[in-house]
Amino acid sequence: MITEALAREDLELDGDALVLVDFYSDNCVYCERLAPVLEGVSFELPFVPMVTINCSRVEGVSDEFGVFAFPTLKLFRGGEELDTLTGFRPAEALKAFIAPHLY
């Protein structure tokens, strides 16, 4: 399941769980293509919380997290950024991006 963050405060990144955040933009074709792929991966990895945040609507979030291109995926654990992936990727590549950070 994927959660939509409507504000910066909705990003709960300080817990012990691995969290994937999808930073996207309204006018990004690749972001639209990535959405169903992320949905599929979320069903295969239900123990990894996934959150999307629309950088076109949430002011300052892209600057705060150093997002310069869309889509950008970032992995967090305990408030610390672990890894970043930019651009559209198929499901297998997304799972390979997440796998090294699983316990």
PDB file of N, CA and C in Angstrom:
ATOM      1  N   MET A   1       0.825  -1.175   0.000  1.00  0.00           N
ATOM      2  CA  MET A   1       0.000   0.000   0.000  1.00  0.00           C
ATOM      3  C   MET A   1       0.879   1.251   0.000  1.00  0.00           C
ATOM      4  N   ILE A   2       0.463   2.224  -0.757  1.00  0.00           N
ATOM      5  CA  ILE A   2       1.199   3.483  -0.850  1.00  0.00           C
ATOM      6  C   ILE A   2       0.357   4.577  -0.207  1.00  0.00           C
ATOM      7  N   THR A   3       1.015   5.411   0.590  1.00  0.00           N
ATOM      8  CA  THR A   3       0.360   6.522   1.253  1.00  0.00           C
ATOM      9  C   THR A   3       0.746   7.817   0.550  1.00  0.00           C
ATOM     10  N   GLU A   4      -0.205   8.728   0.402  1.00  0.00           N
ATOM     11  CA  GLU A   4       0.063  10.046  -0.180  1.00  0.00           C
ATOM     12  C   GLU A   4       0.306  11.032   0.960  1.00  0.00           C
ATOM     13  N   ALA A   5       1.468  11.664   0.972  1.00  0.00           N
ATOM     14  CA  ALA A   5       1.774  12.708   1.956  1.00  0.00           C
ATOM     15  C   ALA A   5       1.296  14.032   1.378  1.00  0.00           C
ATOM     16  N   LEU A   6       0.432  14.711   2.101  1.00  0.00           N
ATOM     17  CA  LEU A   6      -0.116  15.984   1.644  1.00  0.00           C
ATOM     18  C   LEU A   6       0.660  17.175   2.191  1.00  0.00           C
ATOM     19  N   ALA A   7       1.576  16.924   3.125  1.00  0.00           N
ATOM     20  CA  ALA A   7       2.418  17.959   3.713  1.00  0.00           C
ATOM     21  C   ALA A   7       3.716  17.320   4.186  1.00  0.00           C
ATOM     22  N   ARG A   8       4.727  18.121   4.399  1.00  0.00           N
ATOM     23  CA  ARG A   8       6.023  17.632   4.868  1.00  0.00           C
ATOM     24  C   ARG A   8       5.854  16.843   6.181  1.00  0.00           C
ATOM     25  N   GLU A   9       4.963  17.300   7.022  1.00  0.00           N
ATOM     26  CA  GLU A   9       4.747  16.666   8.316  1.00  0.00           C
ATOM     27  C   GLU A   9       4.203  15.237   8.188  1.00  0.00           C
ATOM     28  N   ASP A  10       3.645  14.907   7.032  1.00  0.00           N
ATOM     29  CA  ASP A  10       3.107  13.564   6.804  1.00  0.00           C
ATOM     30  C   ASP A  10       4.196  12.532   6.541  1.00  0.00           C
ATOM     31  N   LEU A  11       5.415  12.986   6.263  1.00  0.00           N
ATOM     32  CA  LEU A  11       6.523  12.064   6.012  1.00  0.00           C
ATOM     33  C   LEU A  11       7.092  11.614   7.354  1.00  0.00           C
ATOM     34  N   GLU A  12       6.753  10.418   7.759  1.00  0.00           N
ATOM     35  CA  GLU A  12       7.240   9.866   9.023  1.00  0.00           C
ATOM     36  C   GLU A  12       8.491   9.046   8.750  1.00  0.00           C
ATOM     37  N   LEU A  13       9.638   9.710   8.869  1.00  0.00           N
ATOM     38  CA  LEU A  13      10.901   9.100   8.466  1.00  0.00           C
ATOM     39  C   LEU A  13      11.799   8.735   9.631  1.00  0.00           C
ATOM     40  N   ASP A  14      11.399   9.043  10.847  1.00  0.00           N
ATOM     41  CA  ASP A  14      12.272   8.869  12.000  1.00  0.00           C
ATOM     42  C   ASP A  14      12.196   7.498  12.657  1.00  0.00           C
ATOM     43  N   GLY A  15      11.277   6.650  12.234  1.00  0.00           N
ATOM     44  CA  GLY A  15      11.129   5.336  12.860  1.00  0.00           C
ATOM     45  C   GLY A  15      12.215   4.360  12.434  1.00  0.00           C
ATOM     46  N   ASP A  16      12.143   3.164  12.981  1.00  0.00           N
ATOM     47  CA  ASP A  16      13.129   2.125  12.679  1.00  0.00           C
ATOM     48  C   ASP A  16      12.868   1.424  11.343  1.00  0.00           C
ATOM     49  N   ALA A  17      11.668   1.601  10.802  1.00  0.00           N
ATOM     50  CA  ALA A  17      11.319   0.925   9.553  1.00  0.00           C
ATOM     51  C   ALA A  17      11.988   1.593   8.360  1.00  0.00           C
ATOM     52  N   LEU A  18      12.293   0.789   7.364  1.00  0.00           N
ATOM     53  CA  LEU A  18      12.753   1.299   6.084  1.00  0.00           C
ATOM     54  C   LEU A  18      11.556   1.929   5.391  1.00  0.00           C
ATOM     55  N   VAL A  19      11.700   3.162   4.886  1.00  0.00           N
ATOM     56  CA  VAL A  19      10.608   3.871   4.217  1.00  0.00           C
ATOM     57  C   VAL A  19      11.091   4.335   2.848  1.00  0.00           C
ATOM     58  N   LEU A  20      10.286   4.067   1.826  1.00  0.00           N
ATOM     59  CA  LEU A  20      10.567   4.542   0.472  1.00  0.00           C
ATOM     60  C   LEU A  20       9.687   5.754   0.212  1.00  0.00           C
ATOM     61  N   VAL A  21      10.294   6.857  -0.207  1.00  0.00           N
ATOM     62  CA  VAL A  21       9.541   8.065  -0.537  1.00  0.00           C
ATOM     63  C   VAL A  21       9.712   8.350  -2.022  1.00  0.00           C
ATOM     64  N   ASP A  22       8.585   8.527  -2.691  1.00  0.00           N
ATOM     65  CA  ASP A  22       8.542   8.879  -4.112  1.00  0.00           C
ATOM     66  C   ASP A  22       8.242  10.370  -4.205  1.00  0.00           C
ATOM     67  N   PHE A  23       9.238  11.154  -4.616  1.00  0.00           N
ATOM     68  CA  PHE A  23       9.067  12.583  -4.843  1.00  0.00           C
ATOM     69  C   PHE A  23       8.697  12.749  -6.312  1.00  0.00           C
ATOM     70  N   TYR A  24       7.506  13.276  -6.574  1.00  0.00           N
ATOM     71  CA  TYR A  24       7.048  13.392  -7.961  1.00  0.00           C
ATOM     72  C   TYR A  24       6.474  14.772  -8.235  1.00  0.00           C
ATOM     73  N   SER A  25       6.169  15.014  -9.506  1.00  0.00           N
ATOM     74  CA  SER A  25       5.625  16.291  -9.946  1.00  0.00           C
ATOM     75  C   SER A  25       4.406  16.045 -10.827  1.00  0.00           C
ATOM     76  N   ASP A  26       3.479  16.988 -10.802  1.00  0.00           N
ATOM     77  CA  ASP A  26       2.252  16.873 -11.603  1.00  0.00           C
ATOM     78  C   ASP A  26       2.508  16.726 -13.097  1.00  0.00           C
ATOM     79  N   ASN A  27       3.494  17.426 -13.610  1.00  0.00           N
ATOM     80  CA  ASN A  27       3.705  17.479 -15.053  1.00  0.00           C
ATOM     81  C   ASN A  27       4.798  16.528 -15.545  1.00  0.00           C
ATOM     82  N   CYS A  28       5.030  15.461 -14.820  1.00  0.00           N
ATOM     83  CA  CYS A  28       6.095  14.515 -15.150  1.00  0.00           C
ATOM     84  C   CYS A  28       5.508  13.227 -15.722  1.00  0.00           C
ATOM     85  N   VAL A  29       5.793  12.969 -16.987  1.00  0.00           N
ATOM     86  CA  VAL A  29       5.299  11.764 -17.653  1.00  0.00           C
ATOM     87  C   VAL A  29       5.891  10.504 -17.021  1.00  0.00           C
ATOM     88  N   TYR A  30       7.163  10.562 -16.674  1.00  0.00           N
ATOM     89  CA  TYR A  30       7.809   9.390 -16.077  1.00  0.00           C
ATOM     90  C   TYR A  30       7.253   9.089 -14.690  1.00  0.00           C
ATOM     91  N   CYS A  31       6.827  10.139 -13.983  1.00  0.00           N
ATOM     92  CA  CYS A  31       6.190   9.936 -12.677  1.00  0.00           C
ATOM     93  C   CYS A  31       4.879   9.171 -12.845  1.00  0.00           C
ATOM     94  N   GLU A  32       4.122   9.528 -13.874  1.00  0.00           N
ATOM     95  CA  GLU A  32       2.862   8.834 -14.159  1.00  0.00           C
ATOM     96  C   GLU A  32       3.110   7.375 -14.498  1.00  0.00           C
ATOM     97  N   ARG A  33       4.164   7.111 -15.246  1.00  0.00           N
ATOM     98  CA  ARG A  33       4.502   5.736 -15.621  1.00  0.00           C
ATOM     99  C   ARG A  33       4.987   4.926 -14.424  1.00  0.00           C
ATOM    100  N   LEU A  34       5.645   5.600 -13.486  1.00  0.00           N
ATOM    101  CA  LEU A  34       6.196   4.913 -12.325  1.00  0.00           C
ATOM    102  C   LEU A  34       5.118   4.523 -11.313  1.00  0.00           C
ATOM    103  N   ALA A  35       4.045   5.278 -11.228  1.00  0.00           N
ATOM    104  CA  ALA A  35       3.006   5.058 -10.205  1.00  0.00           C
ATOM    105  C   ALA A  35       2.483   3.615 -10.177  1.00  0.00           C
ATOM    106  N   PRO A  36       2.063   3.033 -11.306  1.00  0.00           N
ATOM    107  CA  PRO A  36       1.571   1.649 -11.234  1.00  0.00           C
ATOM    108  C   PRO A  36       2.673   0.633 -10.925  1.00  0.00           C
ATOM    109  N   VAL A  37       3.897   0.939 -11.314  1.00  0.00           N
ATOM    110  CA  VAL A  37       5.019   0.052 -10.994  1.00  0.00           C
ATOM    111  C   VAL A  37       5.247   0.047  -9.483  1.00  0.00           C
ATOM    112  N   LEU A  38       5.239   1.227  -8.881  1.00  0.00           N
ATOM    113  CA  LEU A  38       5.383   1.326  -7.428  1.00  0.00           C
ATOM    114  C   LEU A  38       4.260   0.594  -6.707  1.00  0.00           C
ATOM    115  N   GLU A  39       3.061   0.729  -7.228  1.00  0.00           N
ATOM    116  CA  GLU A  39       1.909   0.049  -6.622  1.00  0.00           C
ATOM    117  C   GLU A  39       2.132  -1.461  -6.608  1.00  0.00           C
ATOM    118  N   GLY A  40       2.603  -1.994  -7.716  1.00  0.00           N
ATOM    119  CA  GLY A  40       2.884  -3.430  -7.790  1.00  0.00           C
ATOM    120  C   GLY A  40       3.972  -3.859  -6.825  1.00  0.00           C
ATOM    121  N   VAL A  41       5.036  -3.072  -6.741  1.00  0.00           N
ATOM    122  CA  VAL A  41       6.135  -3.384  -5.824  1.00  0.00           C
ATOM    123  C   VAL A  41       5.653  -3.307  -4.380  1.00  0.00           C
ATOM    124  N   SER A  42       4.754  -2.372  -4.092  1.00  0.00           N
ATOM    125  CA  SER A  42       4.252  -2.245  -2.714  1.00  0.00           C
ATOM    126  C   SER A  42       3.487  -3.497  -2.280  1.00  0.00           C
ATOM    127  N   PHE A  43       2.848  -4.182  -3.216  1.00  0.00           N
ATOM    128  CA  PHE A  43       2.155  -5.431  -2.882  1.00  0.00           C
ATOM    129  C   PHE A  43       3.140  -6.582  -2.688  1.00  0.00           C
ATOM    130  N   GLU A  44       4.257  -6.535  -3.404  1.00  0.00           N
ATOM    131  CA  GLU A  44       5.271  -7.574  -3.251  1.00  0.00           C
ATOM    132  C   GLU A  44       6.115  -7.370  -1.992  1.00  0.00           C
ATOM    133  N   LEU A  45       6.240  -6.121  -1.546  1.00  0.00           N
ATOM    134  CA  LEU A  45       7.029  -5.790  -0.361  1.00  0.00           C
ATOM    135  C   LEU A  45       6.154  -5.031   0.640  1.00  0.00           C
ATOM    136  N   PRO A  46       5.123  -5.671   1.172  1.00  0.00           N
ATOM    137  CA  PRO A  46       4.178  -4.966   2.043  1.00  0.00           C
ATOM    138  C   PRO A  46       4.787  -4.487   3.363  1.00  0.00           C
ATOM    139  N   PHE A  47       5.945  -5.002   3.715  1.00  0.00           N
ATOM    140  CA  PHE A  47       6.613  -4.622   4.963  1.00  0.00           C
ATOM    141  C   PHE A  47       7.475  -3.372   4.802  1.00  0.00           C
ATOM    142  N   VAL A  48       7.544  -2.810   3.589  1.00  0.00           N
ATOM    143  CA  VAL A  48       8.277  -1.568   3.344  1.00  0.00           C
ATOM    144  C   VAL A  48       7.255  -0.459   3.100  1.00  0.00           C
ATOM    145  N   PRO A  49       7.060   0.442   4.074  1.00  0.00           N
ATOM    146  CA  PRO A  49       6.133   1.547   3.856  1.00  0.00           C
ATOM    147  C   PRO A  49       6.589   2.406   2.682  1.00  0.00           C
ATOM    148  N   MET A  50       5.642   2.764   1.826  1.00  0.00           N
ATOM    149  CA  MET A  50       5.934   3.612   0.675  1.00  0.00           C
ATOM    150  C   MET A  50       5.035   4.834   0.730  1.00  0.00           C
ATOM    151  N   VAL A  51       5.649   5.988   0.498  1.00  0.00           N
ATOM    152  CA  VAL A  51       4.944   7.262   0.579  1.00  0.00           C
ATOM    153  C   VAL A  51       5.257   8.057  -0.677  1.00  0.00           C
ATOM    154  N   THR A  52       4.236   8.691  -1.254  1.00  0.00           N
ATOM    155  CA  THR A  52       4.463   9.605  -2.369  1.00  0.00           C
ATOM    156  C   THR A  52       4.198  11.018  -1.890  1.00  0.00           C
ATOM    157  N   ILE A  53       4.945  11.963  -2.455  1.00  0.00           N
ATOM    158  CA  ILE A  53       4.714  13.369  -2.124  1.00  0.00           C
ATOM    159  C   ILE A  53       4.853  14.191  -3.400  1.00  0.00           C
ATOM    160  N   ASN A  54       3.862  15.015  -3.650  1.00  0.00           N
ATOM    161  CA  ASN A  54       3.799  15.829  -4.858  1.00  0.00           C
ATOM    162  C   ASN A  54       4.574  17.123  -4.622  1.00  0.00           C
ATOM    163  N   CYS A  55       5.737  17.219  -5.220  1.00  0.00           N
ATOM    164  CA  CYS A  55       6.600  18.385  -5.032  1.00  0.00           C
ATOM    165  C   CYS A  55       6.037  19.633  -5.712  1.00  0.00           C
ATOM    166  N   SER A  56       5.088  19.467  -6.612  1.00  0.00           N
ATOM    167  CA  SER A  56       4.429  20.614  -7.243  1.00  0.00           C
ATOM    168  C   SER A  56       3.457  21.278  -6.276  1.00  0.00           C
ATOM    169  N   ARG A  57       2.980  20.531  -5.307  1.00  0.00           N
ATOM    170  CA  ARG A  57       1.969  21.047  -4.384  1.00  0.00           C
ATOM    171  C   ARG A  57       2.476  21.293  -2.966  1.00  0.00           C
ATOM    172  N   VAL A  58       3.551  20.629  -2.575  1.00  0.00           N
ATOM    173  CA  VAL A  58       4.082  20.793  -1.219  1.00  0.00           C
ATOM    174  C   VAL A  58       5.327  21.680  -1.318  1.00  0.00           C
ATOM    175  N   GLU A  59       5.139  22.923  -0.984  1.00  0.00           N
ATOM    176  CA  GLU A  59       6.176  23.934  -1.148  1.00  0.00           C
ATOM    177  C   GLU A  59       7.420  23.628  -0.313  1.00  0.00           C
ATOM    178  N   GLY A  60       8.570  23.705  -0.960  1.00  0.00           N
ATOM    179  CA  GLY A  60       9.851  23.575  -0.288  1.00  0.00           C
ATOM    180  C   GLY A  60      10.350  22.169  -0.045  1.00  0.00           C
ATOM    181  N   VAL A  61       9.514  21.160  -0.304  1.00  0.00           N
ATOM    182  CA  VAL A  61       9.932  19.792   0.007  1.00  0.00           C
ATOM    183  C   VAL A  61      11.063  19.324  -0.910  1.00  0.00           C
ATOM    184  N   SER A  62      11.042  19.714  -2.174  1.00  0.00           N
ATOM    185  CA  SER A  62      12.124  19.296  -3.071  1.00  0.00           C
ATOM    186  C   SER A  62      13.452  19.939  -2.673  1.00  0.00           C
ATOM    187  N   ASP A  63      13.423  21.196  -2.234  1.00  0.00           N
ATOM    188  CA  ASP A  63      14.645  21.841  -1.762  1.00  0.00           C
ATOM    189  C   ASP A  63      15.162  21.179  -0.485  1.00  0.00           C
ATOM    190  N   GLU A  64      14.267  20.901   0.433  1.00  0.00           N
ATOM    191  CA  GLU A  64      14.652  20.299   1.707  1.00  0.00           C
ATOM    192  C   GLU A  64      15.348  18.951   1.520  1.00  0.00           C
ATOM    193  N   PHE A  65      14.869  18.169   0.551  1.00  0.00           N
ATOM    194  CA  PHE A  65      15.410  16.824   0.348  1.00  0.00           C
ATOM    195  C   PHE A  65      16.364  16.723  -0.841  1.00  0.00           C
ATOM    196  N   GLY A  66      16.713  17.853  -1.441  1.00  0.00           N
ATOM    197  CA  GLY A  66      17.675  17.845  -2.543  1.00  0.00           C
ATOM    198  C   GLY A  66      17.179  17.127  -3.777  1.00  0.00           C
ATOM    199  N   VAL A  67      15.906  17.310  -4.101  1.00  0.00           N
ATOM    200  CA  VAL A  67      15.319  16.674  -5.275  1.00  0.00           C
ATOM    201  C   VAL A  67      15.390  17.662  -6.445  1.00  0.00           C
ATOM    202  N   PHE A  68      16.115  17.267  -7.501  1.00  0.00           N
ATOM    203  CA  PHE A  68      16.317  18.141  -8.642  1.00  0.00           C
ATOM    204  C   PHE A  68      15.729  17.588  -9.934  1.00  0.00           C
ATOM    205  N   ALA A  69      15.256  16.350  -9.895  1.00  0.00           N
ATOM    206  CA  ALA A  69      14.668  15.707 -11.070  1.00  0.00           C
ATOM    207  C   ALA A  69      13.544  14.790 -10.592  1.00  0.00           C
ATOM    208  N   PHE A  70      12.615  14.534 -11.499  1.00  0.00           N
ATOM    209  CA  PHE A  70      11.457  13.702 -11.156  1.00  0.00           C
ATOM    210  C   PHE A  70      11.342  12.532 -12.105  1.00  0.00           C
ATOM    211  N   PRO A  71      10.903  11.403 -11.602  1.00  0.00           N
ATOM    212  CA  PRO A  71      10.692  11.062 -10.205  1.00  0.00           C
ATOM    213  C   PRO A  71      12.018  10.793  -9.500  1.00  0.00           C
ATOM    214  N   THR A  72      12.037  11.055  -8.214  1.00  0.00           N
ATOM    215  CA  THR A  72      13.175  10.712  -7.364  1.00  0.00           C
ATOM    216  C   THR A  72      12.661   9.842  -6.229  1.00  0.00           C
ATOM    217  N   LEU A  73      13.296   8.702  -6.044  1.00  0.00           N
ATOM    218  CA  LEU A  73      12.963   7.790  -4.946  1.00  0.00           C
ATOM    219  C   LEU A  73      14.091   7.843  -3.935  1.00  0.00           C
ATOM    220  N   LYS A  74      13.717   7.954  -2.668  1.00  0.00           N
ATOM    221  CA  LYS A  74      14.707   7.967  -1.597  1.00  0.00           C
ATOM    222  C   LYS A  74      14.297   6.963  -0.533  1.00  0.00           C
ATOM    223  N   LEU A  75      15.287   6.258  -0.004  1.00  0.00           N
ATOM    224  CA  LEU A  75      15.081   5.324   1.103  1.00  0.00           C
ATOM    225  C   LEU A  75      15.581   5.953   2.390  1.00  0.00           C
ATOM    226  N   PHE A  76      14.768   5.839   3.448  1.00  0.00           N
ATOM    227  CA  PHE A  76      15.105   6.394   4.759  1.00  0.00           C
ATOM    228  C   PHE A  76      14.942   5.322   5.833  1.00  0.00           C
ATOM    229  N   ARG A  77      15.758   5.449   6.872  1.00  0.00           N
ATOM    230  CA  ARG A  77      15.586   4.648   8.085  1.00  0.00           C
ATOM    231  C   ARG A  77      16.122   5.499   9.240  1.00  0.00           C
ATOM    232  N   GLY A  78      15.319   5.621  10.270  1.00  0.00           N
ATOM    233  CA  GLY A  78      15.736   6.382  11.438  1.00  0.00           C
ATOM    234  C   GLY A  78      16.036   7.843  11.137  1.00  0.00           C
ATOM    235  N   GLY A  79      15.335   8.407  10.155  1.00  0.00           N
ATOM    236  CA  GLY A  79      15.549   9.797   9.788  1.00  0.00           C
ATOM    237  C   GLY A  79      16.743  10.033   8.884  1.00  0.00           C
ATOM    238  N   GLU A  80      17.481   8.976   8.590  1.00  0.00           N
ATOM    239  CA  GLU A  80      18.677   9.085   7.757  1.00  0.00           C
ATOM    240  C   GLU A  80      18.383   8.622   6.333  1.00  0.00           C
ATOM    241  N   GLU A  81      18.829   9.410   5.370  1.00  0.00           N
ATOM    242  CA  GLU A  81      18.690   9.016   3.965  1.00  0.00           C
ATOM    243  C   GLU A  81      19.741   7.959   3.648  1.00  0.00           C
ATOM    244  N   LEU A  82      19.270   6.822   3.114  1.00  0.00           N
ATOM    245  CA  LEU A  82      20.170   5.705   2.831  1.00  0.00           C
ATOM    246  C   LEU A  82      20.602   5.635   1.376  1.00  0.00           C
ATOM    247  N   ASP A  83      19.670   5.962   0.465  1.00  0.00           N
ATOM    248  CA  ASP A  83      19.965   5.794  -0.960  1.00  0.00           C
ATOM    249  C   ASP A  83      18.975   6.600  -1.787  1.00  0.00           C
ATOM    250  N   THR A  84      19.357   6.916  -3.020  1.00  0.00           N
ATOM    251  CA  THR A  84      18.523   7.702  -3.931  1.00  0.00           C
ATOM    252  C   THR A  84      18.563   7.086  -5.320  1.00  0.00           C
ATOM    253  N   LEU A  85      17.428   7.114  -5.988  1.00  0.00           N
ATOM    254  CA  LEU A  85      17.297   6.634  -7.358  1.00  0.00           C
ATOM    255  C   LEU A  85      16.448   7.652  -8.113  1.00  0.00           C
ATOM    256  N   THR A  86      16.919   8.084  -9.268  1.00  0.00           N
ATOM    257  CA  THR A  86      16.200   9.083 -10.053  1.00  0.00           C
ATOM    258  C   THR A  86      15.787   8.496 -11.389  1.00  0.00           C
ATOM    259  N   GLY A  87      14.561   8.803 -11.802  1.00  0.00           N
ATOM    260  CA  GLY A  87      14.065   8.377 -13.105  1.00  0.00           C
ATOM    261  C   GLY A  87      13.197   7.137 -13.025  1.00  0.00           C
ATOM    262  N   PHE A  88      12.539   6.849 -14.127  1.00  0.00           N
ATOM    263  CA  PHE A  88      11.675   5.675 -14.215  1.00  0.00           C
ATOM    264  C   PHE A  88      12.515   4.411 -14.202  1.00  0.00           C
ATOM    265  N   ARG A  89      12.034   3.413 -13.482  1.00  0.00           N
ATOM    266  CA  ARG A  89      12.666   2.093 -13.452  1.00  0.00           C
ATOM    267  C   ARG A  89      11.586   1.031 -13.429  1.00  0.00           C
ATOM    268  N   PRO A  90      11.841  -0.136 -14.032  1.00  0.00           N
ATOM    269  CA  PRO A  90      10.880  -1.243 -13.950  1.00  0.00           C
ATOM    270  C   PRO A  90      10.887  -1.847 -12.546  1.00  0.00           C
ATOM    271  N   ALA A  91       9.916  -2.682 -12.282  1.00  0.00           N
ATOM    272  CA  ALA A  91       9.727  -3.270 -10.954  1.00  0.00           C
ATOM    273  C   ALA A  91      10.975  -3.996 -10.450  1.00  0.00           C
ATOM    274  N   GLU A  92      11.604  -4.781 -11.287  1.00  0.00           N
ATOM    275  CA  GLU A  92      12.781  -5.541 -10.844  1.00  0.00           C
ATOM    276  C   GLU A  92      13.905  -4.617 -10.399  1.00  0.00           C
ATOM    277  N   ALA A  93      14.085  -3.500 -11.086  1.00  0.00           N
ATOM    278  CA  ALA A  93      15.118  -2.536 -10.700  1.00  0.00           C
ATOM    279  C   ALA A  93      14.770  -1.867  -9.371  1.00  0.00           C
ATOM    280  N   LEU A  94      13.489  -1.601  -9.141  1.00  0.00           N
ATOM    281  CA  LEU A  94      13.078  -1.008  -7.865  1.00  0.00           C
ATOM    282  C   LEU A  94      13.317  -1.974  -6.712  1.00  0.00           C
ATOM    283  N   LYS A  95      13.002  -3.237  -6.931  1.00  0.00           N
ATOM    284  CA  LYS A  95      13.234  -4.229  -5.881  1.00  0.00           C
ATOM    285  C   LYS A  95      14.731  -4.392  -5.602  1.00  0.00           C
ATOM    286  N   ALA A  96      15.545  -4.320  -6.641  1.00  0.00           N
ATOM    287  CA  ALA A  96      16.989  -4.406  -6.475  1.00  0.00           C
ATOM    288  C   ALA A  96      17.535  -3.177  -5.745  1.00  0.00           C
ATOM    289  N   PHE A  97      16.907  -2.031  -5.927  1.00  0.00           N
ATOM    290  CA  PHE A  97      17.281  -0.804  -5.223  1.00  0.00           C
ATOM    291  C   PHE A  97      16.972  -0.924  -3.728  1.00  0.00           C
ATOM    292  N   ILE A  98      15.860  -1.539  -3.394  1.00  0.00           N
ATOM    293  CA  ILE A  98      15.418  -1.665  -2.005  1.00  0.00           C
ATOM    294  C   ILE A  98      16.149  -2.801  -1.279  1.00  0.00           C
ATOM    295  N   ALA A  99      16.384  -3.908  -1.959  1.00  0.00           N
ATOM    296  CA  ALA A  99      16.897  -5.138  -1.342  1.00  0.00           C
ATOM    297  C   ALA A  99      18.119  -4.973  -0.444  1.00  0.00           C
ATOM    298  N   PRO A 100      19.141  -4.223  -0.822  1.00  0.00           N
ATOM    299  CA  PRO A 100      20.335  -4.142   0.045  1.00  0.00           C
ATOM    300  C   PRO A 100      20.059  -3.494   1.402  1.00  0.00           C
ATOM    301  N   HIS A 101      18.947  -2.799   1.531  1.00  0.00           N
ATOM    302  CA  HIS A 101      18.643  -2.071   2.759  1.00  0.00           C
ATOM    303  C   HIS A 101      17.674  -2.815   3.669  1.00  0.00           C
ATOM    304  N   LEU A 102      17.244  -3.989   3.251  1.00  0.00           N
ATOM    305  CA  LEU A 102      16.367  -4.811   4.080  1.00  0.00           C
ATOM    306  C   LEU A 102      17.195  -5.548   5.115  1.00  0.00           C
ATOM    307  N   TYR A 103      16.615  -5.822   6.250  1.00  0.00           N
ATOM    308  CA  TYR A 103      17.326  -6.615   7.273  1.00  0.00           C
ATOM    309  C   TYR A 103      17.166  -8.073   6.979  1.00  0.00           C
TER     310      TYR A 103
END
